[in-house]
Amino acid sequence: GVIEAGCKTVLGRLKQSGMFWTVRGANAIIALRCCQLSGKFEDYWEARTA
């Protein structure tokens, strides 16, 4: 379904050739990517700077 396709897209971006991530870094990138895909990217940054 839609959720599974979204997960596949997000994880596919992390697994591109030559990429290496720490758990902390991967979690941060996943959070940003999910915010972008859900239309909440600006809200994420507003919450972090407040």
PDB file of N, CA and C in Angstrom:
ATOM      1  N   GLY A   1       0.811  -1.183   0.000  1.00  0.00           N
ATOM      2  CA  GLY A   1       0.000   0.000   0.000  1.00  0.00           C
ATOM      3  C   GLY A   1       0.860   1.255   0.000  1.00  0.00           C
ATOM      4  N   VAL A   2       0.208   2.335   0.283  1.00  0.00           N
ATOM      5  CA  VAL A   2       0.851   3.649   0.258  1.00  0.00           C
ATOM      6  C   VAL A   2       1.940   3.764   1.321  1.00  0.00           C
ATOM      7  N   ILE A   3       1.671   3.294   2.526  1.00  0.00           N
ATOM      8  CA  ILE A   3       2.657   3.380   3.613  1.00  0.00           C
ATOM      9  C   ILE A   3       3.902   2.578   3.270  1.00  0.00           C
ATOM     10  N   GLU A   4       3.704   1.376   2.764  1.00  0.00           N
ATOM     11  CA  GLU A   4       4.840   0.524   2.411  1.00  0.00           C
ATOM     12  C   GLU A   4       5.692   1.165   1.322  1.00  0.00           C
ATOM     13  N   ALA A   5       5.045   1.782   0.337  1.00  0.00           N
ATOM     14  CA  ALA A   5       5.778   2.449  -0.738  1.00  0.00           C
ATOM     15  C   ALA A   5       6.575   3.632  -0.194  1.00  0.00           C
ATOM     16  N   GLY A   6       5.989   4.366   0.744  1.00  0.00           N
ATOM     17  CA  GLY A   6       6.699   5.487   1.356  1.00  0.00           C
ATOM     18  C   GLY A   6       7.924   5.032   2.123  1.00  0.00           C
ATOM     19  N   CYS A   7       7.774   3.946   2.879  1.00  0.00           N
ATOM     20  CA  CYS A   7       8.914   3.390   3.628  1.00  0.00           C
ATOM     21  C   CYS A   7      10.015   2.940   2.681  1.00  0.00           C
ATOM     22  N   LYS A   8       9.627   2.298   1.593  1.00  0.00           N
ATOM     23  CA  LYS A   8      10.603   1.815   0.614  1.00  0.00           C
ATOM     24  C   LYS A   8      11.372   2.992   0.005  1.00  0.00           C
ATOM     25  N   THR A   9      10.671   4.079  -0.278  1.00  0.00           N
ATOM     26  CA  THR A   9      11.310   5.264  -0.850  1.00  0.00           C
ATOM     27  C   THR A   9      12.307   5.878   0.126  1.00  0.00           C
ATOM     28  N   VAL A  10      11.881   6.056   1.370  1.00  0.00           N
ATOM     29  CA  VAL A  10      12.755   6.669   2.379  1.00  0.00           C
ATOM     30  C   VAL A  10      13.990   5.811   2.609  1.00  0.00           C
ATOM     31  N   LEU A  11      13.811   4.522   2.788  1.00  0.00           N
ATOM     32  CA  LEU A  11      14.955   3.639   3.028  1.00  0.00           C
ATOM     33  C   LEU A  11      15.847   3.526   1.805  1.00  0.00           C
ATOM     34  N   GLY A  12      15.269   3.549   0.615  1.00  0.00           N
ATOM     35  CA  GLY A  12      16.056   3.502  -0.612  1.00  0.00           C
ATOM     36  C   GLY A  12      17.002   4.681  -0.723  1.00  0.00           C
ATOM     37  N   ARG A  13      16.564   5.840  -0.255  1.00  0.00           N
ATOM     38  CA  ARG A  13      17.427   7.026  -0.278  1.00  0.00           C
ATOM     39  C   ARG A  13      18.634   6.855   0.641  1.00  0.00           C
ATOM     40  N   LEU A  14      18.447   6.147   1.737  1.00  0.00           N
ATOM     41  CA  LEU A  14      19.547   5.939   2.682  1.00  0.00           C
ATOM     42  C   LEU A  14      20.549   4.905   2.188  1.00  0.00           C
ATOM     43  N   LYS A  15      20.110   4.018   1.316  1.00  0.00           N
ATOM     44  CA  LYS A  15      20.950   2.895   0.909  1.00  0.00           C
ATOM     45  C   LYS A  15      21.604   3.094  -0.454  1.00  0.00           C
ATOM     46  N   GLN A  16      21.693   4.307  -0.933  1.00  0.00           N
ATOM     47  CA  GLN A  16      22.310   4.545  -2.225  1.00  0.00           C
ATOM     48  C   GLN A  16      23.789   4.173  -2.182  1.00  0.00           C
ATOM     49  N   SER A  17      24.322   3.908  -3.326  1.00  0.00           N
ATOM     50  CA  SER A  17      25.697   3.435  -3.452  1.00  0.00           C
ATOM     51  C   SER A  17      26.693   4.354  -2.745  1.00  0.00           C
ATOM     52  N   GLY A  18      27.556   3.757  -1.933  1.00  0.00           N
ATOM     53  CA  GLY A  18      28.625   4.482  -1.270  1.00  0.00           C
ATOM     54  C   GLY A  18      28.236   5.219  -0.001  1.00  0.00           C
ATOM     55  N   MET A  19      26.987   5.119   0.400  1.00  0.00           N
ATOM     56  CA  MET A  19      26.554   5.838   1.599  1.00  0.00           C
ATOM     57  C   MET A  19      26.788   5.008   2.850  1.00  0.00           C
ATOM     58  N   PHE A  20      27.170   5.697   3.919  1.00  0.00           N
ATOM     59  CA  PHE A  20      27.346   5.055   5.217  1.00  0.00           C
ATOM     60  C   PHE A  20      26.749   5.979   6.259  1.00  0.00           C
ATOM     61  N   TRP A  21      25.945   5.432   7.153  1.00  0.00           N
ATOM     62  CA  TRP A  21      25.262   6.231   8.157  1.00  0.00           C
ATOM     63  C   TRP A  21      25.480   5.642   9.541  1.00  0.00           C
ATOM     64  N   THR A  22      25.670   6.511  10.517  1.00  0.00           N
ATOM     65  CA  THR A  22      25.579   6.075  11.908  1.00  0.00           C
ATOM     66  C   THR A  22      24.083   5.963  12.221  1.00  0.00           C
ATOM     67  N   VAL A  23      23.734   5.295  13.298  1.00  0.00           N
ATOM     68  CA  VAL A  23      22.324   5.185  13.676  1.00  0.00           C
ATOM     69  C   VAL A  23      21.749   6.576  13.944  1.00  0.00           C
ATOM     70  N   ARG A  24      22.494   7.399  14.645  1.00  0.00           N
ATOM     71  CA  ARG A  24      22.033   8.762  14.964  1.00  0.00           C
ATOM     72  C   ARG A  24      21.822   9.584  13.690  1.00  0.00           C
ATOM     73  N   GLY A  25      22.769   9.506  12.779  1.00  0.00           N
ATOM     74  CA  GLY A  25      22.655  10.247  11.524  1.00  0.00           C
ATOM     75  C   GLY A  25      21.507   9.755  10.663  1.00  0.00           C
ATOM     76  N   ALA A  26      21.346   8.435  10.588  1.00  0.00           N
ATOM     77  CA  ALA A  26      20.252   7.865   9.803  1.00  0.00           C
ATOM     78  C   ALA A  26      18.905   8.274  10.383  1.00  0.00           C
ATOM     79  N   ASN A  27      18.775   8.245  11.699  1.00  0.00           N
ATOM     80  CA  ASN A  27      17.519   8.657  12.334  1.00  0.00           C
ATOM     81  C   ASN A  27      17.208  10.124  12.043  1.00  0.00           C
ATOM     82  N   ALA A  28      18.230  10.964  12.051  1.00  0.00           N
ATOM     83  CA  ALA A  28      18.026  12.384  11.769  1.00  0.00           C
ATOM     84  C   ALA A  28      17.571  12.596  10.328  1.00  0.00           C
ATOM     85  N   ILE A  29      18.211  11.902   9.390  1.00  0.00           N
ATOM     86  CA  ILE A  29      17.841  12.036   7.982  1.00  0.00           C
ATOM     87  C   ILE A  29      16.444  11.488   7.734  1.00  0.00           C
ATOM     88  N   ILE A  30      16.117  10.366   8.363  1.00  0.00           N
ATOM     89  CA  ILE A  30      14.772   9.796   8.212  1.00  0.00           C
ATOM     90  C   ILE A  30      13.724  10.775   8.737  1.00  0.00           C
ATOM     91  N   ALA A  31      13.987  11.398   9.876  1.00  0.00           N
ATOM     92  CA  ALA A  31      13.036  12.371  10.435  1.00  0.00           C
ATOM     93  C   ALA A  31      12.827  13.537   9.477  1.00  0.00           C
ATOM     94  N   LEU A  32      13.909  14.055   8.914  1.00  0.00           N
ATOM     95  CA  LEU A  32      13.794  15.165   7.973  1.00  0.00           C
ATOM     96  C   LEU A  32      13.054  14.758   6.710  1.00  0.00           C
ATOM     97  N   ARG A  33      13.379  13.590   6.192  1.00  0.00           N
ATOM     98  CA  ARG A  33      12.731  13.111   4.965  1.00  0.00           C
ATOM     99  C   ARG A  33      11.236  12.896   5.189  1.00  0.00           C
ATOM    100  N   CYS A  34      10.870  12.321   6.319  1.00  0.00           N
ATOM    101  CA  CYS A  34       9.453  12.100   6.633  1.00  0.00           C
ATOM    102  C   CYS A  34       8.716  13.425   6.780  1.00  0.00           C
ATOM    103  N   CYS A  35       9.361  14.408   7.403  1.00  0.00           N
ATOM    104  CA  CYS A  35       8.747  15.732   7.520  1.00  0.00           C
ATOM    105  C   CYS A  35       8.529  16.352   6.143  1.00  0.00           C
ATOM    106  N   GLN A  36       9.500  16.194   5.275  1.00  0.00           N
ATOM    107  CA  GLN A  36       9.382  16.747   3.928  1.00  0.00           C
ATOM    108  C   GLN A  36       8.247  16.065   3.168  1.00  0.00           C
ATOM    109  N   LEU A  37       8.196  14.754   3.219  1.00  0.00           N
ATOM    110  CA  LEU A  37       7.172  14.016   2.482  1.00  0.00           C
ATOM    111  C   LEU A  37       5.772  14.261   3.031  1.00  0.00           C
ATOM    112  N   SER A  38       5.655  14.563   4.315  1.00  0.00           N
ATOM    113  CA  SER A  38       4.339  14.779   4.920  1.00  0.00           C
ATOM    114  C   SER A  38       3.912  16.246   4.899  1.00  0.00           C
ATOM    115  N   GLY A  39       4.756  17.109   4.327  1.00  0.00           N
ATOM    116  CA  GLY A  39       4.410  18.521   4.246  1.00  0.00           C
ATOM    117  C   GLY A  39       4.619  19.279   5.544  1.00  0.00           C
ATOM    118  N   LYS A  40       5.406  18.731   6.461  1.00  0.00           N
ATOM    119  CA  LYS A  40       5.621  19.362   7.763  1.00  0.00           C
ATOM    120  C   LYS A  40       7.065  19.824   7.954  1.00  0.00           C
ATOM    121  N   PHE A  41       7.790  19.996   6.862  1.00  0.00           N
ATOM    122  CA  PHE A  41       9.201  20.356   6.924  1.00  0.00           C
ATOM    123  C   PHE A  41       9.405  21.701   7.622  1.00  0.00           C
ATOM    124  N   GLU A  42       8.612  22.699   7.251  1.00  0.00           N
ATOM    125  CA  GLU A  42       8.739  24.023   7.872  1.00  0.00           C
ATOM    126  C   GLU A  42       8.384  23.966   9.352  1.00  0.00           C
ATOM    127  N   ASP A  43       7.348  23.193   9.708  1.00  0.00           N
ATOM    128  CA  ASP A  43       6.964  23.045  11.115  1.00  0.00           C
ATOM    129  C   ASP A  43       8.098  22.435  11.930  1.00  0.00           C
ATOM    130  N   TYR A  44       8.818  21.486  11.341  1.00  0.00           N
ATOM    131  CA  TYR A  44       9.943  20.836  12.024  1.00  0.00           C
ATOM    132  C   TYR A  44      10.992  21.874  12.414  1.00  0.00           C
ATOM    133  N   TRP A  45      11.349  22.744  11.474  1.00  0.00           N
ATOM    134  CA  TRP A  45      12.389  23.734  11.750  1.00  0.00           C
ATOM    135  C   TRP A  45      11.897  24.821  12.692  1.00  0.00           C
ATOM    136  N   GLU A  46      10.628  25.194  12.591  1.00  0.00           N
ATOM    137  CA  GLU A  46      10.087  26.190  13.518  1.00  0.00           C
ATOM    138  C   GLU A  46      10.134  25.673  14.951  1.00  0.00           C
ATOM    139  N   ALA A  47       9.836  24.401  15.145  1.00  0.00           N
ATOM    140  CA  ALA A  47       9.866  23.805  16.483  1.00  0.00           C
ATOM    141  C   ALA A  47      11.299  23.731  17.020  1.00  0.00           C
ATOM    142  N   ARG A  48      12.275  23.532  16.136  1.00  0.00           N
ATOM    143  CA  ARG A  48      13.662  23.402  16.574  1.00  0.00           C
ATOM    144  C   ARG A  48      14.293  24.746  16.908  1.00  0.00           C
ATOM    145  N   THR A  49      13.825  25.820  16.309  1.00  0.00           N
ATOM    146  CA  THR A  49      14.416  27.135  16.565  1.00  0.00           C
ATOM    147  C   THR A  49      13.682  27.888  17.664  1.00  0.00           C
ATOM    148  N   ALA A  50      12.527  27.388  18.066  1.00  0.00           N
ATOM    149  CA  ALA A  50      11.729  28.084  19.099  1.00  0.00           C
ATOM    150  C   ALA A  50      12.287  27.857  20.484  1.00  0.00           C
TER     151      ALA A  50
END
